[in-house]
Amino acid sequence: MDKNAINLIDSGKWHLMAIGIQQIGTMELKEHLTKIYRFTNNKNELVRAEAQLAVLNLFGFEGLRFLDVISYQLSEWQQMKLLKELSVIPHVNLTGIDKWLKSDNPSVVIFALKLARNYHHFELYEDIVSCLEHPESTVRAQAISTLTEIYTEGTSEKLLDRFDLEEYNNQLAILKAVKKLVMMPTCQDCKAI
């Protein structure tokens, strides 16, 4: 069966390549990683998406290393699919998020922010705050969202400092984030419970 999958990949037709890559990932044929990995930055979105998922299926969190090299955007849909796949994999010490937060690819930064939030990487707090300065509005919006989960006592103040510099949608996001942070119990409130 793996020969059939390799033949599909070698066909050069994007729809057959995507099927072949998907089959390699499903059959967990790790010996074909090199062949699959080079497709994680393919110009065809479907081929690229299937290769990224296959690498993730083959190597779990380590498979995210493709984020180091991709130049194409990770669509919202692809990010959701990757996060769903990761949710069923036992969490290990995930490294690289700090590097991805500084990526030139805005979609990689957004995905890294989601990873930091979902896996509670509080040690990345300052890197997340730095994303509030990112030139892309969508990255700043995701940073605002992430800071409602990974926060310190001074997070509300940092968000409010950005308020006048932001566009309308991000201003609304800041207000919602600050409201949520203010409503969170403090340590003194926890002791009273």
Protein backbone atom coordinates (compact mmCIF):
# COMPACT_ATOMS: atom_id res chain seq x y z
CA MET A 1 0.00 0.00 0.00
CA ASP A 2 2.85 2.41 0.70
CA LYS A 3 4.09 1.96 -2.90
CA ASN A 4 0.65 3.05 -4.12
CA ALA A 5 0.80 6.13 -1.87
CA ILE A 6 4.30 6.97 -3.14
CA ASN A 7 3.10 6.59 -6.74
CA LEU A 8 0.26 9.03 -6.00
CA ILE A 9 2.74 11.53 -4.53
CA ASP A 10 5.09 11.12 -7.49
CA SER A 11 2.25 11.67 -9.98
CA GLY A 12 2.73 15.44 -9.83
CA LYS A 13 -1.03 16.00 -9.80
CA TRP A 14 -1.92 18.01 -6.71
CA HIS A 15 -5.12 16.12 -5.87
CA LEU A 16 -3.38 12.73 -6.12
CA MET A 17 -0.37 14.03 -4.19
CA ALA A 18 -2.63 15.14 -1.36
CA ILE A 19 -4.26 11.69 -1.21
CA GLY A 20 -0.88 9.94 -1.21
CA ILE A 21 0.44 12.20 1.56
CA GLN A 22 -2.71 11.61 3.61
CA GLN A 23 -2.28 7.84 3.20
CA ILE A 24 1.37 7.99 4.35
CA GLY A 25 0.28 9.89 7.48
CA THR A 26 -2.63 7.54 8.17
CA MET A 27 -0.45 4.45 7.80
CA GLU A 28 2.21 6.11 10.02
CA LEU A 29 5.00 5.34 7.57
CA LYS A 30 7.76 7.34 9.27
CA GLU A 31 10.36 6.15 6.78
CA HIS A 32 8.80 8.54 4.24
CA LEU A 33 9.17 11.64 6.43
CA THR A 34 11.80 13.26 4.20
CA LYS A 35 9.56 12.93 1.17
CA ILE A 36 6.51 14.28 3.03
CA TYR A 37 8.32 17.06 4.90
CA ARG A 38 9.32 18.92 1.74
CA PHE A 39 5.63 19.33 0.87
CA THR A 40 4.86 21.25 4.10
CA ASN A 41 5.70 24.45 2.21
CA ASN A 42 4.23 23.45 -1.16
CA LYS A 43 2.57 26.15 -3.26
CA ASN A 44 -0.67 24.13 -3.41
CA GLU A 45 -2.70 24.75 -0.27
CA LEU A 46 -4.25 21.26 -0.10
CA VAL A 47 -0.92 19.47 -0.61
CA ARG A 48 0.68 21.73 1.98
CA ALA A 49 -2.13 21.15 4.51
CA GLU A 50 -2.03 17.36 4.10
CA ALA A 51 1.75 17.30 4.46
CA GLN A 52 1.61 19.39 7.64
CA LEU A 53 -1.02 17.09 9.14
CA ALA A 54 0.90 13.98 8.09
CA VAL A 55 4.12 15.24 9.70
CA LEU A 56 2.15 16.05 12.84
CA ASN A 57 0.59 12.57 12.84
CA LEU A 58 3.98 10.96 12.40
CA PHE A 59 5.90 12.94 15.03
CA GLY A 60 3.43 14.68 17.32
CA PHE A 61 4.56 18.01 18.72
CA GLU A 62 8.02 17.54 17.17
CA GLY A 63 6.29 17.58 13.79
CA LEU A 64 5.58 21.28 14.26
CA ARG A 65 9.15 22.01 13.21
CA PHE A 66 7.75 22.80 9.75
CA LEU A 67 6.74 26.14 11.31
CA ASP A 68 10.44 27.06 11.16
CA VAL A 69 10.46 27.04 7.37
CA ILE A 70 7.01 27.68 5.93
CA SER A 71 6.59 30.85 3.92
CA TYR A 72 2.93 30.39 2.98
CA GLN A 73 0.16 31.45 5.35
CA LEU A 74 -1.48 28.94 7.70
CA SER A 75 -5.19 29.46 7.11
CA GLU A 76 -7.56 29.71 10.08
CA TRP A 77 -8.99 26.37 9.02
CA GLN A 78 -5.55 24.74 8.91
CA GLN A 79 -4.72 26.16 12.33
CA MET A 80 -7.93 24.66 13.72
CA LYS A 81 -7.13 21.28 12.16
CA LEU A 82 -3.59 21.31 13.58
CA LEU A 83 -4.84 22.27 17.06
CA LYS A 84 -7.46 19.50 16.89
CA GLU A 85 -4.79 16.94 15.98
CA LEU A 86 -2.55 18.18 18.78
CA SER A 87 -5.38 17.89 21.31
CA VAL A 88 -5.33 14.09 21.09
CA ILE A 89 -1.54 13.81 21.36
CA PRO A 90 -0.08 13.58 24.86
CA HIS A 91 1.52 16.93 25.65
CA VAL A 92 5.26 16.84 25.88
CA ASN A 93 7.70 19.63 26.49
CA LEU A 94 6.88 21.73 23.46
CA THR A 95 9.79 23.91 22.38
CA GLY A 96 10.08 26.45 19.61
CA ILE A 97 7.10 28.64 20.44
CA ASP A 98 9.38 31.51 21.45
CA LYS A 99 11.02 31.36 18.01
CA TRP A 100 7.66 31.14 16.22
CA LEU A 101 6.41 34.22 18.08
CA LYS A 102 9.14 36.14 16.23
CA SER A 103 8.48 34.58 12.81
CA ASP A 104 8.28 36.74 9.68
CA ASN A 105 5.13 34.80 8.79
CA PRO A 106 2.20 36.44 10.65
CA SER A 107 0.10 33.26 10.54
CA VAL A 108 2.91 31.35 12.29
CA VAL A 109 2.96 34.02 15.01
CA ILE A 110 -0.82 33.72 15.41
CA PHE A 111 -0.58 29.93 15.65
CA ALA A 112 2.26 30.21 18.18
CA LEU A 113 0.10 32.52 20.30
CA LYS A 114 -2.68 29.92 20.22
CA LEU A 115 -0.21 27.20 21.25
CA ALA A 116 1.07 29.36 24.13
CA ARG A 117 -2.50 29.94 25.28
CA ASN A 118 -3.74 26.36 24.88
CA TYR A 119 -0.74 24.81 26.61
CA HIS A 120 -0.37 27.50 29.30
CA HIS A 121 3.17 28.64 28.52
CA PHE A 122 3.33 31.40 31.12
CA GLU A 123 7.09 31.62 30.67
CA LEU A 124 6.39 33.25 27.29
CA TYR A 125 4.47 36.14 28.82
CA GLU A 126 6.96 38.86 27.77
CA ASP A 127 7.18 37.43 24.24
CA ILE A 128 3.38 37.50 24.03
CA VAL A 129 3.30 41.11 25.26
CA SER A 130 5.85 41.96 22.53
CA CYS A 131 3.33 40.75 19.95
CA LEU A 132 1.14 43.73 20.90
CA GLU A 133 3.66 45.78 18.88
CA HIS A 134 3.40 43.58 15.77
CA PRO A 135 2.67 45.46 12.52
CA GLU A 136 -0.19 43.05 11.65
CA SER A 137 -3.51 43.84 13.30
CA THR A 138 -4.54 40.17 13.33
CA VAL A 139 -1.43 39.23 15.29
CA ARG A 140 -2.11 41.98 17.83
CA ALA A 141 -5.72 40.78 18.15
CA GLN A 142 -4.54 37.24 18.88
CA ALA A 143 -2.00 38.58 21.40
CA ILE A 144 -4.81 40.43 23.18
CA SER A 145 -6.85 37.22 23.28
CA THR A 146 -3.90 35.16 24.51
CA LEU A 147 -3.17 37.66 27.28
CA THR A 148 -6.60 36.96 28.79
CA GLU A 149 -5.33 33.44 29.56
CA ILE A 150 -1.65 34.15 30.19
CA TYR A 151 -1.59 37.23 32.37
CA THR A 152 -0.03 38.94 35.36
CA GLU A 153 -1.26 41.71 37.65
CA GLY A 154 0.00 44.29 35.15
CA THR A 155 -1.63 42.83 32.04
CA SER A 156 -4.69 45.11 32.13
CA GLU A 157 -2.44 48.15 32.33
CA LYS A 158 -0.31 46.95 29.39
CA LEU A 159 -3.43 46.40 27.32
CA LEU A 160 -4.88 49.79 28.20
CA ASP A 161 -1.57 51.44 27.27
CA ARG A 162 -2.12 50.10 23.74
CA PHE A 163 -5.76 51.19 23.53
CA ASP A 164 -5.30 54.56 21.75
CA LEU A 165 -2.82 53.02 19.28
CA GLU A 166 -5.21 50.30 18.14
CA GLU A 167 -7.86 50.10 15.47
CA TYR A 168 -11.49 49.88 16.52
CA ASN A 169 -11.85 46.05 16.57
CA ASN A 170 -8.73 45.64 18.67
CA GLN A 171 -9.90 48.41 20.99
CA LEU A 172 -13.09 46.41 21.58
CA ALA A 173 -10.99 43.29 22.18
CA ILE A 174 -8.88 45.19 24.72
CA LEU A 175 -11.99 46.35 26.58
CA LYS A 176 -13.37 42.81 26.70
CA ALA A 177 -10.01 41.43 27.84
CA VAL A 178 -9.65 44.02 30.58
CA LYS A 179 -13.20 43.35 31.75
CA LYS A 180 -12.45 39.63 31.92
CA LEU A 181 -9.16 40.21 33.75
CA VAL A 182 -10.76 42.56 36.27
CA MET A 183 -13.48 39.98 36.97
CA MET A 184 -10.92 37.25 37.72
CA PRO A 185 -10.46 36.50 41.42
CA THR A 186 -7.25 37.72 42.99
CA CYS A 187 -5.26 35.62 45.42
CA GLN A 188 -6.91 37.50 48.31
CA ASP A 189 -10.33 36.63 46.88
CA CYS A 190 -9.28 32.97 46.65
CA LYS A 191 -8.30 32.90 50.33
CA ALA A 192 -11.71 34.21 51.30
CA ILE A 193 -13.48 31.33 49.53
